Amino acid sequence: MTYPLVSELAADGIPVSVSCRVLKLARQPYYRWRNDPIRDADVLRAYRINALHDAHEDDPTFGYRYLADEARRAGWRMSRRTAWKLCSQAGILSSAQRRRRGKARRLALRCSMTT
């Protein structure tokens, strides 16, 4: 975020309107950020990620669907889609991965059998 930079420049005596114009930012979101730098949605997201992380530590083989169920049991409401998004952002992965079987594997097996 560039809003802390605008705050530093304002502390050095450069007007906020000039800083925002140079950085191509709108002034209103800057003032909104200054009054409340941490949004409620960010706090809720952090708590949900913590709930998913705690459930993942209990059993690392769980995928995002089971982690969402465990977080719901712990009292955090979220859909499976939200759990998937938060897990992918936080890097929470299941230790049990499915093997992928595709055309490349079958093609490689055919080629090795014919030669």
N, C-alpha and C. Protein backbone atom coordinates (compact mmCIF):
# COMPACT_ATOMS: atom_id res chain seq x y z
N MET A 1 0.84 -1.20 0.00
CA MET A 1 0.00 0.00 0.00
C MET A 1 0.88 1.24 0.00
N THR A 2 0.38 2.23 -0.66
CA THR A 2 1.14 3.48 -0.72
C THR A 2 0.61 4.51 0.26
N TYR A 3 -0.44 4.19 1.00
CA TYR A 3 -0.97 5.16 1.95
C TYR A 3 0.03 5.51 3.06
N PRO A 4 0.82 4.56 3.59
CA PRO A 4 1.83 4.98 4.57
C PRO A 4 2.84 5.96 3.99
N LEU A 5 3.14 5.83 2.71
CA LEU A 5 4.05 6.78 2.07
C LEU A 5 3.45 8.17 2.05
N VAL A 6 2.16 8.26 1.76
CA VAL A 6 1.47 9.56 1.76
C VAL A 6 1.52 10.16 3.17
N SER A 7 1.36 9.33 4.20
CA SER A 7 1.43 9.82 5.58
C SER A 7 2.82 10.35 5.90
N GLU A 8 3.86 9.64 5.46
CA GLU A 8 5.22 10.10 5.72
C GLU A 8 5.50 11.41 5.00
N LEU A 9 5.03 11.52 3.76
CA LEU A 9 5.23 12.76 3.02
C LEU A 9 4.48 13.92 3.67
N ALA A 10 3.29 13.65 4.21
CA ALA A 10 2.51 14.69 4.89
C ALA A 10 3.23 15.13 6.16
N ALA A 11 3.89 14.19 6.85
CA ALA A 11 4.65 14.55 8.05
C ALA A 11 5.86 15.41 7.71
N ASP A 12 6.39 15.24 6.49
CA ASP A 12 7.53 16.05 6.05
C ASP A 12 7.11 17.40 5.50
N GLY A 13 5.81 17.66 5.44
CA GLY A 13 5.33 18.96 5.01
C GLY A 13 4.78 19.03 3.61
N ILE A 14 4.74 17.92 2.89
CA ILE A 14 4.19 17.91 1.54
C ILE A 14 2.68 17.71 1.65
N PRO A 15 1.87 18.55 1.02
CA PRO A 15 0.42 18.42 1.13
C PRO A 15 -0.09 17.06 0.61
N VAL A 16 -1.11 16.57 1.26
CA VAL A 16 -1.69 15.28 0.90
C VAL A 16 -2.24 15.31 -0.52
N SER A 17 -2.85 16.42 -0.91
CA SER A 17 -3.42 16.51 -2.25
C SER A 17 -2.34 16.38 -3.33
N VAL A 18 -1.17 16.96 -3.07
CA VAL A 18 -0.07 16.87 -4.04
C VAL A 18 0.47 15.43 -4.08
N SER A 19 0.66 14.84 -2.92
CA SER A 19 1.17 13.46 -2.86
C SER A 19 0.23 12.50 -3.57
N CYS A 20 -1.06 12.66 -3.32
CA CYS A 20 -2.04 11.77 -3.96
C CYS A 20 -2.08 11.99 -5.46
N ARG A 21 -1.94 13.22 -5.89
CA ARG A 21 -1.96 13.50 -7.33
C ARG A 21 -0.75 12.87 -8.01
N VAL A 22 0.43 12.99 -7.39
CA VAL A 22 1.65 12.44 -7.98
C VAL A 22 1.60 10.91 -8.01
N LEU A 23 1.07 10.31 -6.94
CA LEU A 23 1.00 8.85 -6.86
C LEU A 23 -0.23 8.27 -7.54
N LYS A 24 -1.06 9.16 -8.11
CA LYS A 24 -2.28 8.77 -8.82
C LYS A 24 -3.24 8.01 -7.89
N LEU A 25 -3.46 8.59 -6.73
CA LEU A 25 -4.39 8.05 -5.73
C LEU A 25 -5.50 9.05 -5.49
N ALA A 26 -6.64 8.56 -5.07
CA ALA A 26 -7.72 9.45 -4.67
C ALA A 26 -7.52 9.82 -3.20
N ARG A 27 -7.92 11.03 -2.85
CA ARG A 27 -7.72 11.48 -1.47
C ARG A 27 -8.69 10.81 -0.51
N GLN A 28 -9.92 10.59 -0.92
CA GLN A 28 -10.92 10.07 0.00
C GLN A 28 -10.54 8.69 0.58
N PRO A 29 -10.10 7.73 -0.24
CA PRO A 29 -9.68 6.45 0.36
C PRO A 29 -8.49 6.60 1.30
N TYR A 30 -7.61 7.56 1.01
CA TYR A 30 -6.48 7.79 1.92
C TYR A 30 -6.98 8.22 3.28
N TYR A 31 -7.90 9.18 3.32
CA TYR A 31 -8.43 9.65 4.60
C TYR A 31 -9.23 8.55 5.30
N ARG A 32 -9.92 7.74 4.54
CA ARG A 32 -10.64 6.62 5.13
C ARG A 32 -9.66 5.64 5.78
N TRP A 33 -8.55 5.37 5.08
CA TRP A 33 -7.52 4.50 5.62
C TRP A 33 -6.89 5.12 6.86
N ARG A 34 -6.64 6.40 6.83
CA ARG A 34 -6.00 7.07 7.96
C ARG A 34 -6.86 7.00 9.21
N ASN A 35 -8.18 7.10 9.05
CA ASN A 35 -9.07 7.04 10.20
C ASN A 35 -9.23 5.62 10.72
N ASP A 36 -9.13 4.63 9.86
CA ASP A 36 -9.29 3.23 10.26
C ASP A 36 -8.36 2.37 9.40
N PRO A 37 -7.06 2.27 9.77
CA PRO A 37 -6.11 1.59 8.90
C PRO A 37 -6.34 0.09 8.75
N ILE A 38 -6.95 -0.56 9.74
CA ILE A 38 -7.22 -1.99 9.63
C ILE A 38 -8.72 -2.17 9.52
N ARG A 39 -9.17 -2.70 8.40
CA ARG A 39 -10.61 -2.88 8.18
C ARG A 39 -11.12 -4.09 8.93
N ASP A 40 -12.41 -4.09 9.21
CA ASP A 40 -13.04 -5.21 9.90
C ASP A 40 -12.96 -6.48 9.05
N ALA A 41 -13.06 -6.33 7.75
CA ALA A 41 -12.99 -7.50 6.86
C ALA A 41 -11.61 -8.15 6.94
N ASP A 42 -10.56 -7.36 7.08
CA ASP A 42 -9.21 -7.92 7.20
C ASP A 42 -9.04 -8.67 8.51
N VAL A 43 -9.62 -8.14 9.58
CA VAL A 43 -9.55 -8.82 10.87
C VAL A 43 -10.30 -10.15 10.82
N LEU A 44 -11.51 -10.13 10.22
CA LEU A 44 -12.29 -11.35 10.09
C LEU A 44 -11.56 -12.38 9.24
N ARG A 45 -10.94 -11.94 8.17
CA ARG A 45 -10.16 -12.83 7.30
C ARG A 45 -9.01 -13.48 8.08
N ALA A 46 -8.32 -12.68 8.91
CA ALA A 46 -7.21 -13.21 9.70
C ALA A 46 -7.69 -14.25 10.71
N TYR A 47 -8.83 -14.00 11.36
CA TYR A 47 -9.37 -14.97 12.31
C TYR A 47 -9.77 -16.26 11.60
N ARG A 48 -10.35 -16.14 10.42
CA ARG A 48 -10.75 -17.34 9.67
C ARG A 48 -9.52 -18.15 9.24
N ILE A 49 -8.47 -17.47 8.80
CA ILE A 49 -7.24 -18.16 8.42
C ILE A 49 -6.64 -18.87 9.63
N ASN A 50 -6.68 -18.22 10.80
CA ASN A 50 -6.18 -18.86 12.01
C ASN A 50 -6.98 -20.11 12.35
N ALA A 51 -8.30 -20.05 12.19
CA ALA A 51 -9.14 -21.23 12.46
C ALA A 51 -8.80 -22.36 11.49
N LEU A 52 -8.61 -22.02 10.22
CA LEU A 52 -8.23 -23.04 9.23
C LEU A 52 -6.86 -23.62 9.54
N HIS A 53 -5.94 -22.75 9.95
CA HIS A 53 -4.58 -23.20 10.28
C HIS A 53 -4.60 -24.13 11.49
N ASP A 54 -5.39 -23.80 12.51
CA ASP A 54 -5.49 -24.66 13.69
C ASP A 54 -6.06 -26.03 13.32
N ALA A 55 -7.08 -26.05 12.49
CA ALA A 55 -7.66 -27.32 12.05
C ALA A 55 -6.65 -28.10 11.22
N HIS A 56 -5.84 -27.41 10.44
CA HIS A 56 -4.83 -28.06 9.61
C HIS A 56 -3.73 -28.67 10.47
N GLU A 57 -3.37 -28.00 11.56
CA GLU A 57 -2.35 -28.55 12.45
C GLU A 57 -2.83 -29.82 13.14
N ASP A 58 -4.13 -29.88 13.44
CA ASP A 58 -4.67 -31.08 14.07
C ASP A 58 -4.57 -32.30 13.15
N ASP A 59 -4.87 -32.11 11.89
CA ASP A 59 -4.77 -33.20 10.92
C ASP A 59 -4.35 -32.63 9.57
N PRO A 60 -3.06 -32.71 9.22
CA PRO A 60 -2.58 -32.09 7.98
C PRO A 60 -3.08 -32.76 6.70
N THR A 61 -3.74 -33.91 6.80
CA THR A 61 -4.23 -34.56 5.59
C THR A 61 -5.56 -33.97 5.14
N PHE A 62 -6.19 -33.14 5.95
CA PHE A 62 -7.47 -32.55 5.58
C PHE A 62 -7.31 -31.58 4.42
N GLY A 63 -8.24 -31.62 3.50
CA GLY A 63 -8.31 -30.66 2.42
C GLY A 63 -9.16 -29.47 2.85
N TYR A 64 -9.38 -28.54 1.95
CA TYR A 64 -10.09 -27.32 2.33
C TYR A 64 -11.54 -27.59 2.72
N ARG A 65 -12.16 -28.64 2.16
CA ARG A 65 -13.55 -28.93 2.52
C ARG A 65 -13.68 -29.35 3.97
N TYR A 66 -12.81 -30.25 4.40
CA TYR A 66 -12.83 -30.69 5.79
C TYR A 66 -12.38 -29.57 6.73
N LEU A 67 -11.44 -28.77 6.28
CA LEU A 67 -11.00 -27.64 7.11
C LEU A 67 -12.12 -26.64 7.31
N ALA A 68 -12.93 -26.43 6.27
CA ALA A 68 -14.09 -25.54 6.40
C ALA A 68 -15.09 -26.11 7.39
N ASP A 69 -15.30 -27.42 7.36
CA ASP A 69 -16.20 -28.05 8.32
C ASP A 69 -15.68 -27.91 9.75
N GLU A 70 -14.39 -28.11 9.93
CA GLU A 70 -13.79 -27.98 11.26
C GLU A 70 -13.87 -26.54 11.76
N ALA A 71 -13.66 -25.58 10.87
CA ALA A 71 -13.75 -24.17 11.27
C ALA A 71 -15.19 -23.82 11.64
N ARG A 72 -16.16 -24.40 10.93
CA ARG A 72 -17.57 -24.18 11.28
C ARG A 72 -17.88 -24.75 12.66
N ARG A 73 -17.32 -25.92 12.95
CA ARG A 73 -17.53 -26.50 14.28
C ARG A 73 -16.91 -25.64 15.36
N ALA A 74 -15.84 -24.93 15.02
CA ALA A 74 -15.18 -24.04 15.98
C ALA A 74 -15.91 -22.70 16.11
N GLY A 75 -16.92 -22.47 15.27
CA GLY A 75 -17.73 -21.26 15.40
C GLY A 75 -17.50 -20.21 14.34
N TRP A 76 -16.71 -20.52 13.31
CA TRP A 76 -16.44 -19.55 12.24
C TRP A 76 -17.26 -19.92 11.03
N ARG A 77 -18.17 -19.03 10.63
CA ARG A 77 -19.03 -19.29 9.49
C ARG A 77 -18.29 -18.94 8.21
N MET A 78 -18.23 -19.91 7.30
CA MET A 78 -17.65 -19.65 5.98
C MET A 78 -18.06 -20.76 5.04
N SER A 79 -18.12 -20.43 3.77
CA SER A 79 -18.45 -21.42 2.76
C SER A 79 -17.18 -22.19 2.37
N ARG A 80 -17.38 -23.26 1.64
CA ARG A 80 -16.22 -24.03 1.18
C ARG A 80 -15.39 -23.22 0.19
N ARG A 81 -16.06 -22.40 -0.60
CA ARG A 81 -15.34 -21.55 -1.56
C ARG A 81 -14.45 -20.55 -0.83
N THR A 82 -14.96 -19.97 0.25
CA THR A 82 -14.16 -19.04 1.04
C THR A 82 -12.99 -19.77 1.68
N ALA A 83 -13.23 -20.98 2.18
CA ALA A 83 -12.15 -21.77 2.78
C ALA A 83 -11.09 -22.08 1.73
N TRP A 84 -11.51 -22.42 0.52
CA TRP A 84 -10.55 -22.70 -0.55
C TRP A 84 -9.70 -21.47 -0.85
N LYS A 85 -10.34 -20.32 -0.94
CA LYS A 85 -9.63 -19.08 -1.26
C LYS A 85 -8.64 -18.72 -0.15
N LEU A 86 -9.08 -18.82 1.09
CA LEU A 86 -8.20 -18.48 2.21
C LEU A 86 -7.04 -19.48 2.34
N CYS A 87 -7.33 -20.76 2.12
CA CYS A 87 -6.26 -21.77 2.18
C CYS A 87 -5.23 -21.54 1.08
N SER A 88 -5.69 -21.20 -0.10
CA SER A 88 -4.73 -20.97 -1.19
C SER A 88 -3.91 -19.71 -0.95
N GLN A 89 -4.52 -18.68 -0.38
CA GLN A 89 -3.78 -17.45 -0.07
C GLN A 89 -2.76 -17.67 1.05
N ALA A 90 -3.14 -18.48 2.03
CA ALA A 90 -2.26 -18.70 3.18
C ALA A 90 -1.27 -19.84 2.95
N GLY A 91 -1.42 -20.58 1.87
CA GLY A 91 -0.50 -21.67 1.56
C GLY A 91 -0.77 -22.92 2.38
N ILE A 92 -2.01 -23.11 2.80
CA ILE A 92 -2.38 -24.29 3.57
C ILE A 92 -2.76 -25.39 2.57
N LEU A 93 -1.95 -26.45 2.52
CA LEU A 93 -2.16 -27.54 1.57
C LEU A 93 -2.29 -28.85 2.30
N SER A 94 -3.06 -29.74 1.76
CA SER A 94 -3.21 -31.07 2.33
C SER A 94 -1.93 -31.86 2.07
N SER A 95 -1.54 -32.67 3.06
CA SER A 95 -0.34 -33.48 2.87
C SER A 95 -0.63 -34.71 2.01
N ALA A 96 -1.90 -35.06 1.89
CA ALA A 96 -2.29 -36.20 1.05
C ALA A 96 -2.80 -35.66 -0.28
N GLN A 97 -1.99 -35.77 -1.29
CA GLN A 97 -2.36 -35.27 -2.62
C GLN A 97 -2.77 -36.45 -3.49
N ARG A 98 -3.76 -36.20 -4.33
CA ARG A 98 -4.18 -37.23 -5.27
C ARG A 98 -3.19 -37.30 -6.43
N ARG A 99 -2.99 -38.51 -6.93
CA ARG A 99 -2.14 -38.66 -8.10
C ARG A 99 -2.90 -38.21 -9.32
N ARG A 100 -2.26 -37.53 -10.18
CA ARG A 100 -2.90 -37.06 -11.41
C ARG A 100 -2.61 -38.06 -12.52
N ARG A 101 -3.65 -38.44 -13.18
CA ARG A 101 -3.49 -39.34 -14.32
C ARG A 101 -4.09 -38.65 -15.53
N GLY A 102 -3.29 -38.46 -16.49
CA GLY A 102 -3.77 -37.79 -17.68
C GLY A 102 -3.30 -38.48 -18.94
N LYS A 103 -3.48 -37.80 -20.04
CA LYS A 103 -3.12 -38.37 -21.33
C LYS A 103 -1.61 -38.55 -21.46
N ALA A 104 -0.85 -37.67 -20.85
CA ALA A 104 0.60 -37.75 -20.98
C ALA A 104 1.12 -39.05 -20.37
N ARG A 105 0.56 -39.45 -19.25
CA ARG A 105 1.00 -40.69 -18.61
C ARG A 105 0.65 -41.89 -19.49
N ARG A 106 -0.57 -41.92 -20.02
CA ARG A 106 -0.98 -43.04 -20.87
C ARG A 106 -0.15 -43.08 -22.16
N LEU A 107 0.12 -41.92 -22.71
CA LEU A 107 0.91 -41.86 -23.92
C LEU A 107 2.33 -42.35 -23.67
N ALA A 108 2.91 -41.99 -22.54
CA ALA A 108 4.26 -42.43 -22.22
C ALA A 108 4.30 -43.94 -22.03
N LEU A 109 3.26 -44.50 -21.42
CA LEU A 109 3.22 -45.96 -21.25
C LEU A 109 3.10 -46.67 -22.60
N ARG A 110 2.29 -46.15 -23.51
CA ARG A 110 2.15 -46.77 -24.83
C ARG A 110 3.45 -46.71 -25.60
N CYS A 111 4.12 -45.57 -25.54
CA CYS A 111 5.37 -45.43 -26.29
C CYS A 111 6.45 -46.36 -25.75
N SER A 112 6.48 -46.55 -24.44
CA SER A 112 7.51 -47.43 -23.88
C SER A 112 7.21 -48.90 -24.16
N MET A 113 5.93 -49.25 -24.32
CA MET A 113 5.59 -50.64 -24.59
C MET A 113 5.85 -51.01 -26.04
N THR A 114 5.75 -50.06 -26.95
CA THR A 114 5.94 -50.37 -28.37
C THR A 114 7.41 -50.43 -28.74
N THR A 115 8.27 -49.83 -28.00
CA THR A 115 9.69 -49.84 -28.36
C THR A 115 10.45 -50.91 -27.66
